[in-house]
Amino acid sequence: IARYTTLTAQDENALSLVVGSALPIDLLPQSLSDTITVLTD
C-alpha cells in the first residue's frame, strides 16, 4: 500500500508534466479500462 501510494503520486506528477498543467481530479482514472479504444487489433 505504501509503495503503490508513492507510485500513483509519481504517476500523477508525470502525467501533469506531459500535459503541461495540473489535472482536475475528475479526469484521473481509477482503474484500467478496456474501452479506452474501440480497436482491439
ModelCIF file with pLDDT and N, C-alpha, C, O atoms, coordinates in Angstrom:
data_MODEL
#
_entry.id   MODEL 
#
_entity.id                         1 
_entity.type                       polymer 
_entity.pdbx_number_of_molecules   1 
#
_entity_poly.entity_id                      1 
_entity_poly.type                           'polypeptide(L)' 
_entity_poly.nstd_linkage                   no 
_entity_poly.nstd_monomer                   no 
_entity_poly.pdbx_seq_one_letter_code       IARYTTLTAQDENALSLVVGSALPIDLLPQSLSDTITVLTD 
_entity_poly.pdbx_seq_one_letter_code_can   IARYTTLTAQDENALSLVVGSALPIDLLPQSLSDTITVLTD 
_entity_poly.pdbx_strand_id                 A 
#
loop_
_entity_poly_seq.entity_id 
_entity_poly_seq.num 
_entity_poly_seq.mon_id 
_entity_poly_seq.hetero 
1 1  ILE n 
1 2  ALA n 
1 3  ARG n 
1 4  TYR n 
1 5  THR n 
1 6  THR n 
1 7  LEU n 
1 8  THR n 
1 9  ALA n 
1 10 GLN n 
1 11 ASP n 
1 12 GLU n 
1 13 ASN n 
1 14 ALA n 
1 15 LEU n 
1 16 SER n 
1 17 LEU n 
1 18 VAL n 
1 19 VAL n 
1 20 GLY n 
1 21 SER n 
1 22 ALA n 
1 23 LEU n 
1 24 PRO n 
1 25 ILE n 
1 26 ASP n 
1 27 LEU n 
1 28 LEU n 
1 29 PRO n 
1 30 GLN n 
1 31 SER n 
1 32 LEU n 
1 33 SER n 
1 34 ASP n 
1 35 THR n 
1 36 ILE n 
1 37 THR n 
1 38 VAL n 
1 39 LEU n 
1 40 THR n 
1 41 ASP n 
#
_struct_asym.id          A 
_struct_asym.entity_id   1 
#
loop_
_ma_qa_metric.id 
_ma_qa_metric.mode 
_ma_qa_metric.name 
_ma_qa_metric.software_group_id 
_ma_qa_metric.type 
1 global pLDDT . pLDDT 
2 local  pLDDT . pLDDT 
#
_ma_qa_metric_global.metric_id      1 
_ma_qa_metric_global.metric_value   88.59 
_ma_qa_metric_global.model_id       1 
_ma_qa_metric_global.ordinal_id     1 
#
loop_
_ma_qa_metric_local.label_asym_id 
_ma_qa_metric_local.label_comp_id 
_ma_qa_metric_local.label_seq_id 
_ma_qa_metric_local.metric_id 
_ma_qa_metric_local.metric_value 
_ma_qa_metric_local.model_id 
_ma_qa_metric_local.ordinal_id 
A ILE 1  2 93.00 1 1  
A ALA 2  2 94.00 1 2  
A ARG 3  2 93.00 1 3  
A TYR 4  2 93.00 1 4  
A THR 5  2 95.00 1 5  
A THR 6  2 95.00 1 6  
A LEU 7  2 94.00 1 7  
A THR 8  2 94.00 1 8  
A ALA 9  2 95.00 1 9  
A GLN 10 2 95.00 1 10 
A ASP 11 2 94.00 1 11 
A GLU 12 2 94.00 1 12 
A ASN 13 2 94.00 1 13 
A ALA 14 2 93.00 1 14 
A LEU 15 2 93.00 1 15 
A SER 16 2 93.00 1 16 
A LEU 17 2 92.00 1 17 
A VAL 18 2 91.00 1 18 
A VAL 19 2 91.00 1 19 
A GLY 20 2 90.00 1 20 
A SER 21 2 88.00 1 21 
A ALA 22 2 87.00 1 22 
A LEU 23 2 89.00 1 23 
A PRO 24 2 90.00 1 24 
A ILE 25 2 91.00 1 25 
A ASP 26 2 91.00 1 26 
A LEU 27 2 91.00 1 27 
A LEU 28 2 91.00 1 28 
A PRO 29 2 91.00 1 29 
A GLN 30 2 87.00 1 30 
A SER 31 2 87.00 1 31 
A LEU 32 2 87.00 1 32 
A SER 33 2 81.00 1 33 
A ASP 34 2 77.00 1 34 
A THR 35 2 79.00 1 35 
A ILE 36 2 83.00 1 36 
A THR 37 2 82.00 1 37 
A VAL 38 2 74.00 1 38 
A LEU 39 2 74.00 1 39 
A THR 40 2 71.00 1 40 
A ASP 41 2 75.00 1 41 
#
loop_
_atom_site.group_PDB 
_atom_site.id 
_atom_site.type_symbol 
_atom_site.label_atom_id 
_atom_site.label_alt_id 
_atom_site.label_comp_id 
_atom_site.label_asym_id 
_atom_site.label_entity_id 
_atom_site.label_seq_id 
_atom_site.pdbx_PDB_ins_code 
_atom_site.Cartn_x 
_atom_site.Cartn_y 
_atom_site.Cartn_z 
_atom_site.occupancy 
_atom_site.B_iso_or_equiv 
_atom_site.pdbx_formal_charge 
_atom_site.auth_seq_id 
_atom_site.auth_comp_id 
_atom_site.auth_asym_id 
_atom_site.auth_atom_id 
_atom_site.pdbx_PDB_model_num 
ATOM 1   N N  . ILE A 1 1  ? 0.844   -1.208 0.000   1.00 93.00 ? 1  ILE A N  1 
ATOM 2   C CA . ILE A 1 1  ? 0.000   0.000  0.000   1.00 93.00 ? 1  ILE A CA 1 
ATOM 3   C C  . ILE A 1 1  ? 0.874   1.251  0.000   1.00 93.00 ? 1  ILE A C  1 
ATOM 4   O O  . ILE A 1 1  ? 0.617   2.190  -0.753  1.00 93.00 ? 1  ILE A O  1 
ATOM 5   N N  . ALA A 1 2  ? 1.902   1.265  0.839   1.00 94.00 ? 2  ALA A N  1 
ATOM 6   C CA . ALA A 1 2  ? 2.803   2.423  0.876   1.00 94.00 ? 2  ALA A CA 1 
ATOM 7   C C  . ALA A 1 2  ? 3.530   2.592  -0.451  1.00 94.00 ? 2  ALA A C  1 
ATOM 8   O O  . ALA A 1 2  ? 3.695   3.710  -0.940  1.00 94.00 ? 2  ALA A O  1 
ATOM 9   N N  . ARG A 1 3  ? 3.969   1.465  -1.037  1.00 93.00 ? 3  ARG A N  1 
ATOM 10  C CA . ARG A 1 3  ? 4.711   1.546  -2.304  1.00 93.00 ? 3  ARG A CA 1 
ATOM 11  C C  . ARG A 1 3  ? 3.830   2.046  -3.436  1.00 93.00 ? 3  ARG A C  1 
ATOM 12  O O  . ARG A 1 3  ? 4.249   2.918  -4.197  1.00 93.00 ? 3  ARG A O  1 
ATOM 13  N N  . TYR A 1 4  ? 2.625   1.519  -3.564  1.00 93.00 ? 4  TYR A N  1 
ATOM 14  C CA . TYR A 1 4  ? 1.754   1.942  -4.653  1.00 93.00 ? 4  TYR A CA 1 
ATOM 15  C C  . TYR A 1 4  ? 1.174   3.337  -4.422  1.00 93.00 ? 4  TYR A C  1 
ATOM 16  O O  . TYR A 1 4  ? 0.810   4.022  -5.378  1.00 93.00 ? 4  TYR A O  1 
ATOM 17  N N  . THR A 1 5  ? 1.086   3.756  -3.177  1.00 95.00 ? 5  THR A N  1 
ATOM 18  C CA . THR A 1 5  ? 0.684   5.139  -2.910  1.00 95.00 ? 5  THR A CA 1 
ATOM 19  C C  . THR A 1 5  ? 1.726   6.108  -3.466  1.00 95.00 ? 5  THR A C  1 
ATOM 20  O O  . THR A 1 5  ? 1.391   7.134  -4.058  1.00 95.00 ? 5  THR A O  1 
ATOM 21  N N  . THR A 1 6  ? 3.006   5.757  -3.261  1.00 95.00 ? 6  THR A N  1 
ATOM 22  C CA . THR A 1 6  ? 4.089   6.573  -3.822  1.00 95.00 ? 6  THR A CA 1 
ATOM 23  C C  . THR A 1 6  ? 4.064   6.556  -5.343  1.00 95.00 ? 6  THR A C  1 
ATOM 24  O O  . THR A 1 6  ? 4.197   7.599  -5.984  1.00 95.00 ? 6  THR A O  1 
ATOM 25  N N  . LEU A 1 7  ? 3.891   5.369  -5.921  1.00 94.00 ? 7  LEU A N  1 
ATOM 26  C CA . LEU A 1 7  ? 3.894   5.249  -7.382  1.00 94.00 ? 7  LEU A CA 1 
ATOM 27  C C  . LEU A 1 7  ? 2.761   6.031  -8.029  1.00 94.00 ? 7  LEU A C  1 
ATOM 28  O O  . LEU A 1 7  ? 2.961   6.674  -9.059  1.00 94.00 ? 7  LEU A O  1 
ATOM 29  N N  . THR A 1 8  ? 1.574   5.984  -7.435  1.00 94.00 ? 8  THR A N  1 
ATOM 30  C CA . THR A 1 8  ? 0.453   6.726  -8.018  1.00 94.00 ? 8  THR A CA 1 
ATOM 31  C C  . THR A 1 8  ? 0.706   8.233  -7.967  1.00 94.00 ? 8  THR A C  1 
ATOM 32  O O  . THR A 1 8  ? 0.360   8.958  -8.900  1.00 94.00 ? 8  THR A O  1 
ATOM 33  N N  . ALA A 1 9  ? 1.311   8.700  -6.871  1.00 95.00 ? 9  ALA A N  1 
ATOM 34  C CA . ALA A 1 9  ? 1.637   10.130 -6.784  1.00 95.00 ? 9  ALA A CA 1 
ATOM 35  C C  . ALA A 1 9  ? 2.654   10.513 -7.859  1.00 95.00 ? 9  ALA A C  1 
ATOM 36  O O  . ALA A 1 9  ? 2.527   11.557 -8.498  1.00 95.00 ? 9  ALA A O  1 
ATOM 37  N N  . GLN A 1 10 ? 3.657   9.666  -8.054  1.00 95.00 ? 10 GLN A N  1 
ATOM 38  C CA . GLN A 1 10 ? 4.654   9.940  -9.093  1.00 95.00 ? 10 GLN A CA 1 
ATOM 39  C C  . GLN A 1 10 ? 4.029   9.858  -10.490 1.00 95.00 ? 10 GLN A C  1 
ATOM 40  O O  . GLN A 1 10 ? 4.390   10.633 -11.375 1.00 95.00 ? 10 GLN A O  1 
ATOM 41  N N  . ASP A 1 11 ? 3.104   8.935  -10.687 1.00 94.00 ? 11 ASP A N  1 
ATOM 42  C CA . ASP A 1 11 ? 2.414   8.834  -11.977 1.00 94.00 ? 11 ASP A CA 1 
ATOM 43  C C  . ASP A 1 11 ? 1.604   10.096 -12.265 1.00 94.00 ? 11 ASP A C  1 
ATOM 44  O O  . ASP A 1 11 ? 1.569   10.571 -13.400 1.00 94.00 ? 11 ASP A O  1 
ATOM 45  N N  . GLU A 1 12 ? 0.966   10.626 -11.252 1.00 94.00 ? 12 GLU A N  1 
ATOM 46  C CA . GLU A 1 12 ? 0.204   11.861 -11.434 1.00 94.00 ? 12 GLU A CA 1 
ATOM 47  C C  . GLU A 1 12 ? 1.128   13.015 -11.797 1.00 94.00 ? 12 GLU A C  1 
ATOM 48  O O  . GLU A 1 12 ? 0.794   13.843 -12.645 1.00 94.00 ? 12 GLU A O  1 
ATOM 49  N N  . ASN A 1 13 ? 2.293   13.066 -11.152 1.00 94.00 ? 13 ASN A N  1 
ATOM 50  C CA . ASN A 1 13 ? 3.263   14.120 -11.480 1.00 94.00 ? 13 ASN A CA 1 
ATOM 51  C C  . ASN A 1 13 ? 3.753   13.988 -12.923 1.00 94.00 ? 13 ASN A C  1 
ATOM 52  O O  . ASN A 1 13 ? 3.889   14.984 -13.633 1.00 94.00 ? 13 ASN A O  1 
ATOM 53  N N  . ALA A 1 14 ? 4.014   12.760 -13.347 1.00 93.00 ? 14 ALA A N  1 
ATOM 54  C CA . ALA A 1 14 ? 4.476   12.528 -14.720 1.00 93.00 ? 14 ALA A CA 1 
ATOM 55  C C  . ALA A 1 14 ? 3.405   12.924 -15.727 1.00 93.00 ? 14 ALA A C  1 
ATOM 56  O O  . ALA A 1 14 ? 3.713   13.519 -16.760 1.00 93.00 ? 14 ALA A O  1 
ATOM 57  N N  . LEU A 1 15 ? 2.158   12.599 -15.435 1.00 93.00 ? 15 LEU A N  1 
ATOM 58  C CA . LEU A 1 15 ? 1.067   12.949 -16.339 1.00 93.00 ? 15 LEU A CA 1 
ATOM 59  C C  . LEU A 1 15 ? 0.880   14.461 -16.403 1.00 93.00 ? 15 LEU A C  1 
ATOM 60  O O  . LEU A 1 15 ? 0.635   15.011 -17.477 1.00 93.00 ? 15 LEU A O  1 
ATOM 61  N N  . SER A 1 16 ? 0.995   15.135 -15.261 1.00 93.00 ? 16 SER A N  1 
ATOM 62  C CA . SER A 1 16 ? 0.863   16.595 -15.249 1.00 93.00 ? 16 SER A CA 1 
ATOM 63  C C  . SER A 1 16 ? 1.974   17.253 -16.054 1.00 93.00 ? 16 SER A C  1 
ATOM 64  O O  . SER A 1 16 ? 1.742   18.266 -16.714 1.00 93.00 ? 16 SER A O  1 
ATOM 65  N N  . LEU A 1 17 ? 3.188   16.685 -16.007 1.00 92.00 ? 17 LEU A N  1 
ATOM 66  C CA . LEU A 1 17 ? 4.311   17.249 -16.757 1.00 92.00 ? 17 LEU A CA 1 
ATOM 67  C C  . LEU A 1 17 ? 4.072   17.141 -18.251 1.00 92.00 ? 17 LEU A C  1 
ATOM 68  O O  . LEU A 1 17 ? 4.276   18.112 -18.979 1.00 92.00 ? 17 LEU A O  1 
ATOM 69  N N  . VAL A 1 18 ? 3.647   15.988 -18.717 1.00 91.00 ? 18 VAL A N  1 
ATOM 70  C CA . VAL A 1 18 ? 3.464   15.812 -20.154 1.00 91.00 ? 18 VAL A CA 1 
ATOM 71  C C  . VAL A 1 18 ? 2.260   16.609 -20.646 1.00 91.00 ? 18 VAL A C  1 
ATOM 72  O O  . VAL A 1 18 ? 2.238   17.055 -21.794 1.00 91.00 ? 18 VAL A O  1 
ATOM 73  N N  . VAL A 1 19 ? 1.252   16.791 -19.779 1.00 91.00 ? 19 VAL A N  1 
ATOM 74  C CA . VAL A 1 19 ? 0.094   17.595 -20.159 1.00 91.00 ? 19 VAL A CA 1 
ATOM 75  C C  . VAL A 1 19 ? 0.449   19.077 -20.158 1.00 91.00 ? 19 VAL A C  1 
ATOM 76  O O  . VAL A 1 19 ? -0.056  19.845 -20.978 1.00 91.00 ? 19 VAL A O  1 
ATOM 77  N N  . GLY A 1 20 ? 1.311   19.469 -19.243 1.00 90.00 ? 20 GLY A N  1 
ATOM 78  C CA . GLY A 1 20 ? 1.725   20.863 -19.179 1.00 90.00 ? 20 GLY A CA 1 
ATOM 79  C C  . GLY A 1 20 ? 0.932   21.706 -18.214 1.00 90.00 ? 20 GLY A C  1 
ATOM 80  O O  . GLY A 1 20 ? 1.114   22.923 -18.158 1.00 90.00 ? 20 GLY A O  1 
ATOM 81  N N  . SER A 1 21 ? 0.046   21.077 -17.446 1.00 88.00 ? 21 SER A N  1 
ATOM 82  C CA . SER A 1 21 ? -0.746  21.806 -16.447 1.00 88.00 ? 21 SER A CA 1 
ATOM 83  C C  . SER A 1 21 ? -1.303  20.791 -15.460 1.00 88.00 ? 21 SER A C  1 
ATOM 84  O O  . SER A 1 21 ? -1.320  19.588 -15.719 1.00 88.00 ? 21 SER A O  1 
ATOM 85  N N  . ALA A 1 22 ? -1.761  21.310 -14.313 1.00 87.00 ? 22 ALA A N  1 
ATOM 86  C CA . ALA A 1 22 ? -2.368  20.429 -13.313 1.00 87.00 ? 22 ALA A CA 1 
ATOM 87  C C  . ALA A 1 22 ? -3.685  19.879 -13.852 1.00 87.00 ? 22 ALA A C  1 
ATOM 88  O O  . ALA A 1 22 ? -4.415  20.562 -14.571 1.00 87.00 ? 22 ALA A O  1 
ATOM 89  N N  . LEU A 1 23 ? -3.971  18.639 -13.493 1.00 89.00 ? 23 LEU A N  1 
ATOM 90  C CA . LEU A 1 23 ? -5.180  17.977 -13.992 1.00 89.00 ? 23 LEU A CA 1 
ATOM 91  C C  . LEU A 1 23 ? -6.280  17.990 -12.949 1.00 89.00 ? 23 LEU A C  1 
ATOM 92  O O  . LEU A 1 23 ? -6.011  17.751 -11.772 1.00 89.00 ? 23 LEU A O  1 
ATOM 93  N N  . PRO A 1 24 ? -7.517  18.263 -13.353 1.00 90.00 ? 24 PRO A N  1 
ATOM 94  C CA . PRO A 1 24 ? -8.643  18.132 -12.422 1.00 90.00 ? 24 PRO A CA 1 
ATOM 95  C C  . PRO A 1 24 ? -8.770  16.695 -11.931 1.00 90.00 ? 24 PRO A C  1 
ATOM 96  O O  . PRO A 1 24 ? -8.501  15.754 -12.678 1.00 90.00 ? 24 PRO A O  1 
ATOM 97  N N  . ILE A 1 25 ? -9.172  16.528 -10.700 1.00 91.00 ? 25 ILE A N  1 
ATOM 98  C CA . ILE A 1 25 ? -9.265  15.189 -10.106 1.00 91.00 ? 25 ILE A CA 1 
ATOM 99  C C  . ILE A 1 25 ? -10.240 14.305 -10.872 1.00 91.00 ? 25 ILE A C  1 
ATOM 100 O O  . ILE A 1 25 ? -10.025 13.099 -10.999 1.00 91.00 ? 25 ILE A O  1 
ATOM 101 N N  . ASP A 1 26 ? -11.323 14.910 -11.385 1.00 91.00 ? 26 ASP A N  1 
ATOM 102 C CA . ASP A 1 26 ? -12.332 14.104 -12.060 1.00 91.00 ? 26 ASP A CA 1 
ATOM 103 C C  . ASP A 1 26 ? -11.857 13.531 -13.393 1.00 91.00 ? 26 ASP A C  1 
ATOM 104 O O  . ASP A 1 26 ? -12.538 12.686 -13.974 1.00 91.00 ? 26 ASP A O  1 
ATOM 105 N N  . LEU A 1 27 ? -10.685 13.979 -13.894 1.00 91.00 ? 27 LEU A N  1 
ATOM 106 C CA . LEU A 1 27 ? -10.151 13.430 -15.142 1.00 91.00 ? 27 LEU A CA 1 
ATOM 107 C C  . LEU A 1 27 ? -9.175  12.285 -14.902 1.00 91.00 ? 27 LEU A C  1 
ATOM 108 O O  . LEU A 1 27 ? -8.768  11.612 -15.850 1.00 91.00 ? 27 LEU A O  1 
ATOM 109 N N  . LEU A 1 28 ? -8.796  12.058 -13.654 1.00 91.00 ? 28 LEU A N  1 
ATOM 110 C CA . LEU A 1 28 ? -7.839  10.994 -13.359 1.00 91.00 ? 28 LEU A CA 1 
ATOM 111 C C  . LEU A 1 28 ? -8.540  9.637  -13.344 1.00 91.00 ? 28 LEU A C  1 
ATOM 112 O O  . LEU A 1 28 ? -9.651  9.532  -12.825 1.00 91.00 ? 28 LEU A O  1 
ATOM 113 N N  . PRO A 1 29 ? -7.918  8.602  -13.898 1.00 91.00 ? 29 PRO A N  1 
ATOM 114 C CA . PRO A 1 29 ? -8.544  7.271  -13.933 1.00 91.00 ? 29 PRO A CA 1 
ATOM 115 C C  . PRO A 1 29 ? -8.465  6.596  -12.578 1.00 91.00 ? 29 PRO A C  1 
ATOM 116 O O  . PRO A 1 29 ? -7.555  6.862  -11.792 1.00 91.00 ? 29 PRO A O  1 
ATOM 117 N N  . GLN A 1 30 ? -9.422  5.720  -12.310 1.00 87.00 ? 30 GLN A N  1 
ATOM 118 C CA . GLN A 1 30 ? -9.429  4.956  -11.068 1.00 87.00 ? 30 GLN A CA 1 
ATOM 119 C C  . GLN A 1 30 ? -8.879  3.549  -11.268 1.00 87.00 ? 30 GLN A C  1 
ATOM 120 O O  . GLN A 1 30 ? -8.305  2.961  -10.351 1.00 87.00 ? 30 GLN A O  1 
ATOM 121 N N  . SER A 1 31 ? -9.058  3.017  -12.469 1.00 87.00 ? 31 SER A N  1 
ATOM 122 C CA . SER A 1 31 ? -8.576  1.659  -12.761 1.00 87.00 ? 31 SER A CA 1 
ATOM 123 C C  . SER A 1 31 ? -8.426  1.520  -14.267 1.00 87.00 ? 31 SER A C  1 
ATOM 124 O O  . SER A 1 31 ? -8.874  2.373  -15.033 1.00 87.00 ? 31 SER A O  1 
ATOM 125 N N  . LEU A 1 32 ? -7.788  0.431  -14.678 1.00 87.00 ? 32 LEU A N  1 
ATOM 126 C CA . LEU A 1 32 ? -7.624  0.185  -16.106 1.00 87.00 ? 32 LEU A CA 1 
ATOM 127 C C  . LEU A 1 32 ? -8.978  -0.073 -16.753 1.00 87.00 ? 32 LEU A C  1 
ATOM 128 O O  . LEU A 1 32 ? -9.826  -0.780 -16.208 1.00 87.00 ? 32 LEU A O  1 
ATOM 129 N N  . SER A 1 33 ? -9.156  0.520  -17.930 1.00 81.00 ? 33 SER A N  1 
ATOM 130 C CA . SER A 1 33 ? -10.387 0.306  -18.677 1.00 81.00 ? 33 SER A CA 1 
ATOM 131 C C  . SER A 1 33 ? -10.045 -0.309 -20.021 1.00 81.00 ? 33 SER A C  1 
ATOM 132 O O  . SER A 1 33 ? -9.152  0.173  -20.718 1.00 81.00 ? 33 SER A O  1 
ATOM 133 N N  . ASP A 1 34 ? -10.734 -1.348 -20.381 1.00 77.00 ? 34 ASP A N  1 
ATOM 134 C CA . ASP A 1 34 ? -10.516 -1.996 -21.669 1.00 77.00 ? 34 ASP A CA 1 
ATOM 135 C C  . ASP A 1 34 ? -11.227 -1.267 -22.801 1.00 77.00 ? 34 ASP A C  1 
ATOM 136 O O  . ASP A 1 34 ? -11.183 -1.714 -23.947 1.00 77.00 ? 34 ASP A O  1 
ATOM 137 N N  . THR A 1 35 ? -11.877 -0.156 -22.496 1.00 79.00 ? 35 THR A N  1 
ATOM 138 C CA . THR A 1 35 ? -12.650 0.568  -23.503 1.00 79.00 ? 35 THR A CA 1 
ATOM 139 C C  . THR A 1 35 ? -12.007 1.920  -23.847 1.00 79.00 ? 35 THR A C  1 
ATOM 140 O O  . THR A 1 35 ? -12.692 2.823  -24.329 1.00 79.00 ? 35 THR A O  1 
ATOM 141 N N  . ILE A 1 36 ? -10.698 2.065  -23.600 1.00 83.00 ? 36 ILE A N  1 
ATOM 142 C CA . ILE A 1 36 ? -10.081 3.343  -23.980 1.00 83.00 ? 36 ILE A CA 1 
ATOM 143 C C  . ILE A 1 36 ? -10.045 3.481  -25.499 1.00 83.00 ? 36 ILE A C  1 
ATOM 144 O O  . ILE A 1 36 ? -9.990  4.598  -26.015 1.00 83.00 ? 36 ILE A O  1 
ATOM 145 N N  . THR A 1 37 ? -10.077 2.365  -26.220 1.00 82.00 ? 37 THR A N  1 
ATOM 146 C CA . THR A 1 37 ? -10.114 2.389  -27.677 1.00 82.00 ? 37 THR A CA 1 
ATOM 147 C C  . THR A 1 37 ? -11.089 1.341  -28.172 1.00 82.00 ? 37 THR A C  1 
ATOM 148 O O  . THR A 1 37 ? -11.274 0.295  -27.549 1.00 82.00 ? 37 THR A O  1 
ATOM 149 N N  . VAL A 1 38 ? -11.707 1.635  -29.299 1.00 74.00 ? 38 VAL A N  1 
ATOM 150 C CA . VAL A 1 38 ? -12.657 0.675  -29.872 1.00 74.00 ? 38 VAL A CA 1 
ATOM 151 C C  . VAL A 1 38 ? -11.931 -0.404 -30.662 1.00 74.00 ? 38 VAL A C  1 
ATOM 152 O O  . VAL A 1 38 ? -12.517 -1.435 -30.994 1.00 74.00 ? 38 VAL A O  1 
ATOM 153 N N  . LEU A 1 39 ? -10.643 -0.168 -30.966 1.00 74.00 ? 39 LEU A N  1 
ATOM 154 C CA . LEU A 1 39 ? -9.881  -1.142 -31.740 1.00 74.00 ? 39 LEU A CA 1 
ATOM 155 C C  . LEU A 1 39 ? -9.236  -2.163 -30.818 1.00 74.00 ? 39 LEU A C  1 
ATOM 156 O O  . LEU A 1 39 ? -8.630  -1.807 -29.807 1.00 74.00 ? 39 LEU A O  1 
ATOM 157 N N  . THR A 1 40 ? -9.370  -3.421 -31.171 1.00 71.00 ? 40 THR A N  1 
ATOM 158 C CA . THR A 1 40 ? -8.704  -4.485 -30.421 1.00 71.00 ? 40 THR A CA 1 
ATOM 159 C C  . THR A 1 40 ? -7.487  -5.007 -31.173 1.00 71.00 ? 40 THR A C  1 
ATOM 160 O O  . THR A 1 40 ? -6.701  -5.783 -30.629 1.00 71.00 ? 40 THR A O  1 
ATOM 161 N N  . ASP A 1 41 ? -7.333  -4.584 -32.426 1.00 75.00 ? 41 ASP A N  1 
ATOM 162 C CA . ASP A 1 41 ? -6.193  -5.026 -33.221 1.00 75.00 ? 41 ASP A CA 1 
ATOM 163 C C  . ASP A 1 41 ? -5.889  -3.950 -34.252 1.00 75.00 ? 41 ASP A C  1 
ATOM 164 O O  . ASP A 1 41 ? -4.959  -4.100 -35.046 1.00 75.00 ? 41 ASP A O  1 
#
